């Protein structure tokens, strides 16, 4: 079984920074894409950033230039460095692994973490 565990959320003042981490556990062979989504109260879940196994990154327009996604393939971990945070960045941030293959040959289309809360407020 594959699980994702996020960490690094918390309360930060506007203009501050946070670094989120998401570690995938299990007998993992490959993960094609790892991504961060967020969901604010009363809003739909939205893609924040994604990164492929070859390092190609994609960002939502609202976070371009402020957030950086990176990935450690060997550790099956993805990071989200968030700078110049704004109150509108407040949300639960969820990690997603897309097209996971285990060493036993099992395949999962999508795996989700439980989420970590980021609150940007003075």
Protein backbone atom coordinates (compact mmCIF):
# COMPACT_ATOMS: atom_id res chain seq x y z
CA UNK A 1 0.00 0.00 0.00
CA UNK A 2 1.22 3.50 -0.85
CA UNK A 3 0.70 6.39 1.54
CA UNK A 4 1.54 10.08 1.40
CA UNK A 5 2.32 12.07 4.53
CA UNK A 6 2.54 15.86 4.42
CA UNK A 7 4.30 18.10 6.92
CA UNK A 8 5.38 21.71 7.30
CA UNK A 9 2.12 23.58 7.52
CA UNK A 10 1.37 26.20 10.13
CA UNK A 11 0.62 29.83 10.85
CA UNK A 12 2.72 32.46 9.12
CA UNK A 13 2.44 36.23 8.71
CA UNK A 14 1.83 37.81 5.31
CA UNK A 15 5.10 38.05 3.42
CA UNK A 16 6.52 35.07 5.27
CA UNK A 17 7.70 31.69 4.05
CA UNK A 18 6.95 28.03 4.67
CA UNK A 19 8.28 24.78 3.27
CA UNK A 20 5.96 21.83 2.85
CA UNK A 21 7.16 18.25 2.49
CA UNK A 22 5.35 15.16 1.31
CA UNK A 23 6.89 11.73 1.68
CA UNK A 24 5.52 8.69 -0.11
CA UNK A 25 5.88 5.39 1.71
CA UNK A 26 5.49 1.84 0.51
CA UNK A 27 7.24 -0.43 -1.94
CA UNK A 28 7.46 2.23 -4.64
CA UNK A 29 9.11 1.70 -7.98
CA UNK A 30 8.09 4.89 -9.78
CA UNK A 31 5.80 7.87 -9.41
CA UNK A 32 5.14 9.75 -12.63
CA UNK A 33 3.91 13.08 -11.28
CA UNK A 34 3.83 14.50 -7.77
CA UNK A 35 1.79 17.58 -7.09
CA UNK A 36 0.43 19.96 -4.51
CA UNK A 37 -3.22 20.99 -4.48
CA UNK A 38 -4.98 23.28 -2.07
CA UNK A 39 -8.52 23.74 -0.88
CA UNK A 40 -9.69 26.85 0.91
CA UNK A 41 -12.94 26.92 2.91
CA UNK A 42 -15.92 27.12 0.58
CA UNK A 43 -13.77 26.81 -2.54
CA UNK A 44 -12.94 24.04 -4.97
CA UNK A 45 -9.70 22.16 -4.82
CA UNK A 46 -7.11 23.67 -7.15
CA UNK A 47 -3.76 22.60 -8.50
CA UNK A 48 -0.91 24.64 -7.04
CA UNK A 49 2.12 23.01 -8.64
CA UNK A 50 3.20 19.71 -10.15
CA UNK A 51 6.48 18.09 -11.12
CA UNK A 52 7.16 15.08 -13.32
CA UNK A 53 9.73 12.35 -12.77
CA UNK A 54 11.99 14.18 -15.23
CA UNK A 55 11.76 17.43 -13.30
CA UNK A 56 9.34 19.36 -15.46
CA UNK A 57 7.39 21.72 -13.22
CA UNK A 58 4.07 23.46 -13.70
CA UNK A 59 2.54 26.22 -11.56
CA UNK A 60 -0.79 27.91 -11.08
CA UNK A 61 -0.65 31.52 -12.23
CA UNK A 62 -1.49 32.71 -8.72
CA UNK A 63 1.74 31.25 -7.27
CA UNK A 64 4.23 31.73 -10.12
CA UNK A 65 7.35 33.51 -8.95
CA UNK A 66 6.51 32.87 -5.27
CA UNK A 67 6.34 29.07 -4.93
CA UNK A 68 8.88 26.48 -6.00
CA UNK A 69 8.21 22.76 -6.27
CA UNK A 70 11.05 20.25 -6.12
CA UNK A 71 11.39 16.54 -5.85
CA UNK A 72 13.82 13.97 -4.44
CA UNK A 73 13.29 10.87 -6.57
CA UNK A 74 15.40 8.63 -4.34
CA UNK A 75 13.39 9.59 -1.26
CA UNK A 76 10.00 9.65 -3.04
CA UNK A 77 9.51 13.09 -1.55
CA UNK A 78 8.17 16.32 -2.98
CA UNK A 79 8.63 19.78 -1.50
CA UNK A 80 6.86 23.09 -1.89
CA UNK A 81 8.82 26.20 -0.97
CA UNK A 82 6.36 29.04 -0.44
CA UNK A 83 7.58 32.63 -0.24
CA UNK A 84 5.84 36.02 -0.09
CA UNK A 85 2.77 34.34 1.32
CA UNK A 86 -0.54 36.13 1.13
CA UNK A 87 -3.74 35.70 3.15
CA UNK A 88 -5.37 34.22 0.04
CA UNK A 89 -2.85 31.36 0.18
CA UNK A 90 -4.61 30.13 3.31
CA UNK A 91 -5.86 26.60 2.65
CA UNK A 92 -5.37 22.93 3.33
CA UNK A 93 -2.52 21.81 1.09
CA UNK A 94 -2.78 18.26 -0.20
CA UNK A 95 -0.11 16.12 -1.78
CA UNK A 96 -0.94 13.98 -4.78
CA UNK A 97 0.96 11.17 -6.50
CA UNK A 98 -0.14 10.36 -10.02
CA UNK A 99 0.50 6.99 -11.71
CA UNK A 100 2.31 5.09 -9.00
CA UNK A 101 3.91 1.72 -9.70
CA UNK A 102 5.11 -0.50 -6.88
CA UNK A 103 7.99 -2.95 -6.93
CA UNK A 104 5.41 -5.74 -6.99
CA UNK A 105 3.90 -4.32 -10.16
CA UNK A 106 0.78 -2.84 -8.61
CA UNK A 107 -0.41 0.39 -10.15
CA UNK A 108 -2.32 3.25 -8.58
CA UNK A 109 -3.75 6.02 -10.71
CA UNK A 110 -3.85 8.52 -7.86
CA UNK A 111 -2.86 8.63 -4.21
CA UNK A 112 -3.74 11.52 -1.89
CA UNK A 113 -2.34 12.66 1.41
CA UNK A 114 -4.45 13.87 4.32
CA UNK A 115 -3.40 17.49 3.93
CA UNK A 116 -1.61 20.09 5.99
CA UNK A 117 -3.13 23.43 6.97
CA UNK A 118 -1.42 26.66 5.98
CA UNK A 119 -2.76 29.83 7.55
CA UNK A 120 -1.45 33.24 6.46
CA UNK A 121 -2.57 35.90 8.88
CA UNK A 122 -1.23 38.75 10.95
